[in-house]
Amino acid sequence: SHMLSGLLPQEAVEILVGKVFVDAQPLEPPATAMSGFLRFLRLLSSHDWARQPLIFDPQGSLTAEDYARVQSDFFAVRGEEYNNGPPMFLITLGCFRSADAQPSPGLPGSINRQNDNCMPTFTRENPEQ
């Protein structure tokens, strides 16, 4: 994670690594650090960041309605051309629930910009710079 520290905050790396180990389907969870790292790189390179948020639900407690709500909020922020908002959206159960408790005026649904830990802006607007 140290080599990515200039591009991704540590929390984002932890969410991505957790996703690799918890949502390993159709494969088994990685058994070694090297296989975990390679799957992390695969997730980072193959996830459709422009069209899909990455939802990390380690307890499996989100319902189909919750997923639909996150998708709806994501599309409202991203726009029809998928070119608005930050390049990477990472959604966790904590972010989803805290948004219910503290809705932000002017923002659709569950995405809460008041809670810094749950902002859908883990990456810079222009990461190539």
C-alpha atoms as a PDB file:
ATOM      1  CA  SER A   1       0.000   0.000   0.000  1.00  0.00           C
ATOM      2  CA  HIS A   2       2.975   2.321   0.443  1.00  0.00           C
ATOM      3  CA  MET A   3       3.579   2.455  -3.301  1.00  0.00           C
ATOM      4  CA  LEU A   4      -0.037   3.548  -3.846  1.00  0.00           C
ATOM      5  CA  SER A   5      -0.059   6.095  -1.023  1.00  0.00           C
ATOM      6  CA  GLY A   6       0.304   9.007  -3.439  1.00  0.00           C
ATOM      7  CA  LEU A   7      -2.783   7.904  -5.373  1.00  0.00           C
ATOM      8  CA  LEU A   8      -5.098   6.222  -2.867  1.00  0.00           C
ATOM      9  CA  PRO A   9      -5.589   6.852   0.845  1.00  0.00           C
ATOM     10  CA  GLN A  10      -4.857   3.924   3.139  1.00  0.00           C
ATOM     11  CA  GLU A  11      -8.583   3.507   3.865  1.00  0.00           C
ATOM     12  CA  ALA A  12      -9.328   3.015   0.166  1.00  0.00           C
ATOM     13  CA  VAL A  13      -6.601   0.388  -0.125  1.00  0.00           C
ATOM     14  CA  GLU A  14      -7.995  -1.406   2.947  1.00  0.00           C
ATOM     15  CA  ILE A  15     -11.510  -1.445   1.454  1.00  0.00           C
ATOM     16  CA  LEU A  16     -10.198  -2.839  -1.831  1.00  0.00           C
ATOM     17  CA  VAL A  17      -8.128  -5.519  -0.076  1.00  0.00           C
ATOM     18  CA  GLY A  18     -11.105  -6.410   2.122  1.00  0.00           C
ATOM     19  CA  LYS A  19     -13.263  -6.756  -0.987  1.00  0.00           C
ATOM     20  CA  VAL A  20     -10.728  -9.192  -2.466  1.00  0.00           C
ATOM     21  CA  PHE A  21     -10.795 -11.404   0.626  1.00  0.00           C
ATOM     22  CA  VAL A  22     -14.512 -11.192   1.490  1.00  0.00           C
ATOM     23  CA  ASP A  23     -16.063 -11.176  -1.992  1.00  0.00           C
ATOM     24  CA  ALA A  24     -13.706 -13.633  -3.678  1.00  0.00           C
ATOM     25  CA  GLN A  25     -16.432 -15.356  -5.732  1.00  0.00           C
ATOM     26  CA  PRO A  26     -16.172 -17.392  -7.895  1.00  0.00           C
ATOM     27  CA  LEU A  27     -12.723 -18.126  -6.434  1.00  0.00           C
ATOM     28  CA  GLU A  28     -11.744 -19.060  -2.913  1.00  0.00           C
ATOM     29  CA  PRO A  29     -10.337 -16.249  -0.742  1.00  0.00           C
ATOM     30  CA  PRO A  30      -6.624 -15.726  -1.393  1.00  0.00           C
ATOM     31  CA  ALA A  31      -4.430 -18.083   0.633  1.00  0.00           C
ATOM     32  CA  THR A  32      -1.175 -16.138   0.363  1.00  0.00           C
ATOM     33  CA  ALA A  33      -0.127 -12.524   0.485  1.00  0.00           C
ATOM     34  CA  MET A  34       1.045 -12.707  -3.134  1.00  0.00           C
ATOM     35  CA  SER A  35      -2.265 -14.077  -4.424  1.00  0.00           C
ATOM     36  CA  GLY A  36      -4.099 -11.427  -2.392  1.00  0.00           C
ATOM     37  CA  PHE A  37      -1.925  -8.702  -3.885  1.00  0.00           C
ATOM     38  CA  LEU A  38      -2.438 -10.001  -7.428  1.00  0.00           C
ATOM     39  CA  ARG A  39      -6.210 -10.111  -6.934  1.00  0.00           C
ATOM     40  CA  PHE A  40      -6.088  -6.585  -5.515  1.00  0.00           C
ATOM     41  CA  LEU A  41      -4.336  -5.421  -8.681  1.00  0.00           C
ATOM     42  CA  ARG A  42      -6.851  -7.338 -10.795  1.00  0.00           C
ATOM     43  CA  LEU A  43      -9.775  -5.674  -8.981  1.00  0.00           C
ATOM     44  CA  LEU A  44      -8.168  -2.267  -9.334  1.00  0.00           C
ATOM     45  CA  SER A  45      -7.632  -2.737 -13.073  1.00  0.00           C
ATOM     46  CA  SER A  46     -10.805  -4.616 -14.046  1.00  0.00           C
ATOM     47  CA  HIS A  47     -13.591  -2.959 -12.031  1.00  0.00           C
ATOM     48  CA  ASP A  48     -15.708  -0.627 -14.188  1.00  0.00           C
ATOM     49  CA  TRP A  49     -15.086   2.464 -12.052  1.00  0.00           C
ATOM     50  CA  ALA A  50     -16.939   4.792 -14.421  1.00  0.00           C
ATOM     51  CA  ARG A  51     -20.201   2.811 -14.423  1.00  0.00           C
ATOM     52  CA  GLN A  52     -20.290   0.960 -11.091  1.00  0.00           C
ATOM     53  CA  PRO A  53     -19.587   1.885  -7.479  1.00  0.00           C
ATOM     54  CA  LEU A  54     -17.589  -0.638  -5.508  1.00  0.00           C
ATOM     55  CA  ILE A  55     -19.814  -1.747  -2.630  1.00  0.00           C
ATOM     56  CA  PHE A  56     -18.044  -3.466   0.265  1.00  0.00           C
ATOM     57  CA  ASP A  57     -20.441  -5.287   2.596  1.00  0.00           C
ATOM     58  CA  PRO A  58     -18.339  -7.723   4.673  1.00  0.00           C
ATOM     59  CA  GLN A  59     -21.248  -8.832   6.876  1.00  0.00           C
ATOM     60  CA  GLY A  60     -23.579  -9.347   3.922  1.00  0.00           C
ATOM     61  CA  SER A  61     -26.221  -7.250   5.646  1.00  0.00           C
ATOM     62  CA  LEU A  62     -27.264  -4.973   2.772  1.00  0.00           C
ATOM     63  CA  THR A  63     -30.547  -5.891   1.136  1.00  0.00           C
ATOM     64  CA  ALA A  64     -31.393  -5.787  -2.546  1.00  0.00           C
ATOM     65  CA  GLU A  65     -33.222  -2.530  -1.811  1.00  0.00           C
ATOM     66  CA  ASP A  66     -30.049  -1.102  -0.233  1.00  0.00           C
ATOM     67  CA  TYR A  67     -28.015  -2.025  -3.314  1.00  0.00           C
ATOM     68  CA  ALA A  68     -30.633  -0.456  -5.567  1.00  0.00           C
ATOM     69  CA  ARG A  69     -30.531   2.725  -3.487  1.00  0.00           C
ATOM     70  CA  VAL A  70     -26.736   2.932  -3.697  1.00  0.00           C
ATOM     71  CA  GLN A  71     -26.891   2.383  -7.462  1.00  0.00           C
ATOM     72  CA  SER A  72     -29.549   5.068  -7.825  1.00  0.00           C
ATOM     73  CA  ASP A  73     -27.514   7.561  -5.797  1.00  0.00           C
ATOM     74  CA  PHE A  74     -24.384   6.691  -7.765  1.00  0.00           C
ATOM     75  CA  PHE A  75     -26.100   7.309 -11.102  1.00  0.00           C
ATOM     76  CA  ALA A  76     -27.541  10.583  -9.826  1.00  0.00           C
ATOM     77  CA  VAL A  77     -24.033  11.809  -8.970  1.00  0.00           C
ATOM     78  CA  ARG A  78     -22.225  10.263 -11.950  1.00  0.00           C
ATOM     79  CA  GLY A  79     -24.697  11.483 -14.596  1.00  0.00           C
ATOM     80  CA  GLU A  80     -25.896  10.029 -17.872  1.00  0.00           C
ATOM     81  CA  GLU A  81     -22.484  10.277 -19.507  1.00  0.00           C
ATOM     82  CA  TYR A  82     -20.739   8.770 -16.440  1.00  0.00           C
ATOM     83  CA  ASN A  83     -18.316  11.683 -16.321  1.00  0.00           C
ATOM     84  CA  ASN A  84     -19.287  13.545 -13.126  1.00  0.00           C
ATOM     85  CA  GLY A  85     -17.925  13.042  -9.653  1.00  0.00           C
ATOM     86  CA  PRO A  86     -14.658  11.437  -8.609  1.00  0.00           C
ATOM     87  CA  PRO A  87     -13.130   8.612 -10.628  1.00  0.00           C
ATOM     88  CA  MET A  88     -13.645   6.031  -7.864  1.00  0.00           C
ATOM     89  CA  PHE A  89     -16.708   5.451  -5.647  1.00  0.00           C
ATOM     90  CA  LEU A  90     -16.166   3.166  -2.641  1.00  0.00           C
ATOM     91  CA  ILE A  91     -19.253   2.468  -0.583  1.00  0.00           C
ATOM     92  CA  THR A  92     -19.175   0.621   2.758  1.00  0.00           C
ATOM     93  CA  LEU A  93     -21.909  -0.333   5.149  1.00  0.00           C
ATOM     94  CA  GLY A  94     -20.787   2.403   7.550  1.00  0.00           C
ATOM     95  CA  CYS A  95     -21.097   5.042   4.856  1.00  0.00           C
ATOM     96  CA  PHE A  96     -24.491   3.771   3.844  1.00  0.00           C
ATOM     97  CA  ARG A  97     -25.861   3.762   7.390  1.00  0.00           C
ATOM     98  CA  SER A  98     -24.332   7.101   8.441  1.00  0.00           C
ATOM     99  CA  ALA A  99     -26.008   8.719   5.465  1.00  0.00           C
ATOM    100  CA  ASP A 100     -29.368   7.540   6.776  1.00  0.00           C
ATOM    101  CA  ALA A 101     -28.651   9.164  10.121  1.00  0.00           C
ATOM    102  CA  GLN A 102     -27.356  12.479   8.734  1.00  0.00           C
ATOM    103  CA  PRO A 103     -28.763  13.308   5.302  1.00  0.00           C
ATOM    104  CA  SER A 104     -27.014  16.074   3.417  1.00  0.00           C
ATOM    105  CA  PRO A 105     -29.191  18.797   1.934  1.00  0.00           C
ATOM    106  CA  GLY A 106     -28.957  19.041  -1.824  1.00  0.00           C
ATOM    107  CA  LEU A 107     -27.554  15.555  -2.350  1.00  0.00           C
ATOM    108  CA  PRO A 108     -29.625  12.619  -3.524  1.00  0.00           C
ATOM    109  CA  GLY A 109     -30.328   9.636  -1.280  1.00  0.00           C
ATOM    110  CA  SER A 110     -27.642   8.040   0.794  1.00  0.00           C
ATOM    111  CA  ILE A 111     -24.432   9.695  -0.335  1.00  0.00           C
ATOM    112  CA  ASN A 112     -23.375  11.935   2.533  1.00  0.00           C
ATOM    113  CA  ARG A 113     -20.675  14.537   1.942  1.00  0.00           C
ATOM    114  CA  GLN A 114     -20.744  15.840   5.506  1.00  0.00           C
ATOM    115  CA  ASN A 115     -19.007  12.743   6.881  1.00  0.00           C
ATOM    116  CA  ASP A 116     -15.433  12.866   5.526  1.00  0.00           C
ATOM    117  CA  ASN A 117     -14.943   9.117   5.961  1.00  0.00           C
ATOM    118  CA  CYS A 118     -17.921   8.420   3.697  1.00  0.00           C
ATOM    119  CA  MET A 119     -17.385  10.855   0.890  1.00  0.00           C
ATOM    120  CA  PRO A 120     -17.396   9.240  -2.540  1.00  0.00           C
ATOM    121  CA  THR A 121     -14.128  11.049  -3.256  1.00  0.00           C
ATOM    122  CA  PHE A 122     -11.354   8.723  -2.206  1.00  0.00           C
ATOM    123  CA  THR A 123      -9.340   9.693  -5.266  1.00  0.00           C
ATOM    124  CA  ARG A 124      -8.373  13.004  -6.765  1.00  0.00           C
ATOM    125  CA  GLU A 125     -10.505  14.477  -9.538  1.00  0.00           C
ATOM    126  CA  ASN A 126      -7.539  14.210 -11.950  1.00  0.00           C
ATOM    127  CA  PRO A 127      -5.379  11.299 -10.714  1.00  0.00           C
ATOM    128  CA  GLU A 128      -3.118  11.441 -13.764  1.00  0.00           C
ATOM    129  CA  GLN A 129      -1.710  14.806 -12.634  1.00  0.00           C
END
